[in-house]
Amino acid sequence: MEMLFVPEHRRGQGLAGALLQRAEDEAKARGCKGAYIDTINPDARRAYERQGYKTFGSIDNFTGDYAITWLMKRF
């Protein structure tokens, strides 16, 4: 998956988690052993952490005031 985006008016309904789970299931079916994600959105970072992703790096002020964070999850 290249990008995951849920429109603001649809957030909080579990859609991101469901989409991420489907992507993970497909990755497992294809023999992948894990996944990594990067984000500059703090809310998205927290959502990924709720799905079991762990931060393994970040750069503060990557784009203006935003930090970029890399997260990973092993299957």
N, C-alpha and C. Protein backbone atom coordinates (compact mmCIF):
# COMPACT_ATOMS: atom_id res chain seq x y z
N MET A 1 0.85 -1.15 0.00
CA MET A 1 0.00 0.00 0.00
C MET A 1 0.91 1.22 0.00
N GLU A 2 0.58 2.16 -0.83
CA GLU A 2 1.41 3.37 -0.89
C GLU A 2 0.90 4.46 0.03
N MET A 3 -0.42 4.56 0.20
CA MET A 3 -0.96 5.63 1.03
C MET A 3 -2.27 5.16 1.67
N LEU A 4 -2.45 5.56 2.92
CA LEU A 4 -3.70 5.29 3.64
C LEU A 4 -4.25 6.63 4.09
N PHE A 5 -5.47 6.92 3.67
CA PHE A 5 -6.10 8.19 4.03
C PHE A 5 -7.57 7.95 4.29
N VAL A 6 -8.05 8.48 5.41
CA VAL A 6 -9.47 8.43 5.74
C VAL A 6 -9.96 9.87 5.85
N PRO A 7 -10.99 10.24 5.09
CA PRO A 7 -11.51 11.61 5.17
C PRO A 7 -11.91 11.97 6.61
N GLU A 8 -11.71 13.21 6.94
CA GLU A 8 -11.95 13.66 8.32
C GLU A 8 -13.34 13.28 8.82
N HIS A 9 -14.36 13.42 7.99
CA HIS A 9 -15.73 13.13 8.44
C HIS A 9 -15.98 11.64 8.65
N ARG A 10 -15.04 10.76 8.24
CA ARG A 10 -15.18 9.31 8.42
C ARG A 10 -14.23 8.76 9.49
N ARG A 11 -13.46 9.62 10.10
CA ARG A 11 -12.50 9.18 11.12
C ARG A 11 -13.21 8.79 12.40
N GLY A 12 -12.56 7.93 13.17
CA GLY A 12 -13.13 7.49 14.44
C GLY A 12 -14.12 6.35 14.30
N GLN A 13 -14.21 5.76 13.10
CA GLN A 13 -15.16 4.67 12.85
C GLN A 13 -14.46 3.33 12.64
N GLY A 14 -13.15 3.30 12.85
CA GLY A 14 -12.40 2.06 12.69
C GLY A 14 -12.01 1.74 11.26
N LEU A 15 -12.20 2.68 10.34
CA LEU A 15 -11.89 2.42 8.94
C LEU A 15 -10.40 2.24 8.69
N ALA A 16 -9.59 3.10 9.28
CA ALA A 16 -8.14 3.00 9.07
C ALA A 16 -7.62 1.66 9.58
N GLY A 17 -8.08 1.25 10.75
CA GLY A 17 -7.65 -0.03 11.30
C GLY A 17 -8.07 -1.20 10.42
N ALA A 18 -9.29 -1.13 9.89
CA ALA A 18 -9.79 -2.20 9.01
C ALA A 18 -8.99 -2.25 7.71
N LEU A 19 -8.71 -1.09 7.13
CA LEU A 19 -7.92 -1.05 5.89
C LEU A 19 -6.50 -1.57 6.13
N LEU A 20 -5.93 -1.14 7.24
CA LEU A 20 -4.58 -1.59 7.57
C LEU A 20 -4.55 -3.10 7.79
N GLN A 21 -5.56 -3.63 8.46
CA GLN A 21 -5.62 -5.07 8.70
C GLN A 21 -5.71 -5.85 7.39
N ARG A 22 -6.50 -5.35 6.45
CA ARG A 22 -6.61 -6.02 5.14
C ARG A 22 -5.27 -6.00 4.41
N ALA A 23 -4.57 -4.87 4.49
CA ALA A 23 -3.26 -4.78 3.85
C ALA A 23 -2.28 -5.75 4.50
N GLU A 24 -2.31 -5.85 5.83
CA GLU A 24 -1.43 -6.77 6.54
C GLU A 24 -1.76 -8.22 6.18
N ASP A 25 -3.04 -8.55 6.09
CA ASP A 25 -3.45 -9.91 5.72
C ASP A 25 -2.93 -10.26 4.33
N GLU A 26 -3.02 -9.32 3.41
CA GLU A 26 -2.52 -9.55 2.05
C GLU A 26 -1.00 -9.72 2.06
N ALA A 27 -0.32 -8.89 2.85
CA ALA A 27 1.14 -8.99 2.95
C ALA A 27 1.54 -10.36 3.50
N LYS A 28 0.85 -10.82 4.53
CA LYS A 28 1.15 -12.14 5.10
C LYS A 28 0.91 -13.24 4.07
N ALA A 29 -0.19 -13.13 3.33
CA ALA A 29 -0.50 -14.13 2.30
C ALA A 29 0.58 -14.18 1.22
N ARG A 30 1.26 -13.07 1.02
CA ARG A 30 2.33 -13.00 0.01
C ARG A 30 3.70 -13.34 0.59
N GLY A 31 3.71 -13.73 1.87
CA GLY A 31 4.96 -14.16 2.48
C GLY A 31 5.76 -13.08 3.19
N CYS A 32 5.19 -11.91 3.34
CA CYS A 32 5.90 -10.83 4.05
C CYS A 32 5.98 -11.16 5.54
N LYS A 33 7.03 -10.72 6.17
CA LYS A 33 7.26 -10.97 7.59
C LYS A 33 7.01 -9.74 8.45
N GLY A 34 6.67 -8.62 7.83
CA GLY A 34 6.42 -7.40 8.57
C GLY A 34 6.13 -6.25 7.62
N ALA A 35 5.95 -5.08 8.20
CA ALA A 35 5.65 -3.89 7.40
C ALA A 35 6.24 -2.67 8.08
N TYR A 36 6.49 -1.64 7.29
CA TYR A 36 6.90 -0.37 7.87
C TYR A 36 6.08 0.75 7.26
N ILE A 37 5.96 1.82 8.03
CA ILE A 37 5.12 2.96 7.66
C ILE A 37 5.88 4.22 8.04
N ASP A 38 5.71 5.28 7.25
CA ASP A 38 6.18 6.59 7.70
C ASP A 38 5.02 7.55 7.66
N THR A 39 5.06 8.52 8.57
CA THR A 39 3.99 9.51 8.64
C THR A 39 4.51 10.80 9.23
N ILE A 40 3.89 11.91 8.84
CA ILE A 40 4.15 13.20 9.49
C ILE A 40 2.93 13.64 10.31
N ASN A 41 1.90 12.79 10.35
CA ASN A 41 0.66 13.12 11.03
C ASN A 41 0.65 12.48 12.43
N PRO A 42 0.66 13.29 13.50
CA PRO A 42 0.68 12.73 14.86
C PRO A 42 -0.53 11.85 15.16
N ASP A 43 -1.70 12.20 14.64
CA ASP A 43 -2.89 11.37 14.87
C ASP A 43 -2.73 10.01 14.19
N ALA A 44 -2.19 10.01 12.98
CA ALA A 44 -1.95 8.75 12.26
C ALA A 44 -0.93 7.91 13.01
N ARG A 45 0.11 8.55 13.53
CA ARG A 45 1.13 7.81 14.30
C ARG A 45 0.48 7.07 15.46
N ARG A 46 -0.39 7.77 16.19
CA ARG A 46 -1.07 7.13 17.32
C ARG A 46 -1.98 5.99 16.85
N ALA A 47 -2.64 6.17 15.72
CA ALA A 47 -3.50 5.11 15.17
C ALA A 47 -2.66 3.87 14.82
N TYR A 48 -1.50 4.08 14.21
CA TYR A 48 -0.63 2.95 13.87
C TYR A 48 -0.13 2.25 15.13
N GLU A 49 0.19 3.03 16.15
CA GLU A 49 0.64 2.44 17.41
C GLU A 49 -0.46 1.59 18.03
N ARG A 50 -1.70 2.03 17.92
CA ARG A 50 -2.83 1.23 18.43
C ARG A 50 -2.95 -0.10 17.68
N GLN A 51 -2.47 -0.14 16.45
CA GLN A 51 -2.51 -1.37 15.65
C GLN A 51 -1.26 -2.23 15.84
N GLY A 52 -0.41 -1.84 16.78
CA GLY A 52 0.75 -2.66 17.11
C GLY A 52 2.06 -2.24 16.48
N TYR A 53 2.08 -1.12 15.77
CA TYR A 53 3.32 -0.63 15.15
C TYR A 53 4.17 0.06 16.20
N LYS A 54 5.49 -0.10 16.08
CA LYS A 54 6.45 0.49 17.01
C LYS A 54 7.35 1.47 16.26
N THR A 55 7.60 2.62 16.88
CA THR A 55 8.48 3.63 16.29
C THR A 55 9.92 3.12 16.28
N PHE A 56 10.60 3.29 15.14
CA PHE A 56 12.02 2.93 15.09
C PHE A 56 12.88 4.08 14.61
N GLY A 57 12.29 5.25 14.39
CA GLY A 57 13.08 6.42 14.02
C GLY A 57 12.20 7.63 13.77
N SER A 58 12.80 8.81 13.89
CA SER A 58 12.07 10.04 13.59
C SER A 58 13.07 11.17 13.35
N ILE A 59 12.61 12.17 12.63
CA ILE A 59 13.38 13.39 12.40
C ILE A 59 12.47 14.56 12.70
N ASP A 60 12.83 15.37 13.70
CA ASP A 60 12.05 16.56 14.03
C ASP A 60 12.20 17.61 12.94
N ASN A 61 11.17 18.44 12.79
CA ASN A 61 11.17 19.54 11.83
C ASN A 61 11.53 19.07 10.41
N PHE A 62 11.01 17.91 10.04
CA PHE A 62 11.29 17.34 8.72
C PHE A 62 10.73 18.22 7.61
N THR A 63 9.50 18.66 7.78
CA THR A 63 8.86 19.59 6.84
C THR A 63 8.25 20.71 7.66
N GLY A 64 8.97 21.79 7.80
CA GLY A 64 8.48 22.88 8.63
C GLY A 64 8.45 22.45 10.08
N ASP A 65 7.26 22.52 10.68
CA ASP A 65 7.09 22.16 12.08
C ASP A 65 6.79 20.68 12.29
N TYR A 66 6.73 19.90 11.22
CA TYR A 66 6.32 18.51 11.32
C TYR A 66 7.52 17.57 11.40
N ALA A 67 7.39 16.57 12.27
CA ALA A 67 8.39 15.50 12.35
C ALA A 67 7.92 14.35 11.48
N ILE A 68 8.86 13.62 10.92
CA ILE A 68 8.52 12.38 10.23
C ILE A 68 8.88 11.24 11.17
N THR A 69 8.01 10.26 11.24
CA THR A 69 8.21 9.11 12.11
C THR A 69 8.10 7.84 11.29
N TRP A 70 9.01 6.90 11.53
CA TRP A 70 8.96 5.59 10.89
C TRP A 70 8.54 4.57 11.93
N LEU A 71 7.59 3.72 11.55
CA LEU A 71 7.08 2.69 12.44
C LEU A 71 7.16 1.34 11.73
N MET A 72 7.25 0.27 12.52
CA MET A 72 7.28 -1.07 11.93
C MET A 72 6.50 -2.05 12.78
N LYS A 73 6.11 -3.13 12.13
CA LYS A 73 5.40 -4.21 12.81
C LYS A 73 5.85 -5.52 12.18
N ARG A 74 6.21 -6.48 13.02
CA ARG A 74 6.57 -7.81 12.53
C ARG A 74 5.34 -8.71 12.65
N PHE A 75 5.17 -9.57 11.65
CA PHE A 75 4.02 -10.49 11.66
C PHE A 75 4.43 -11.83 12.25
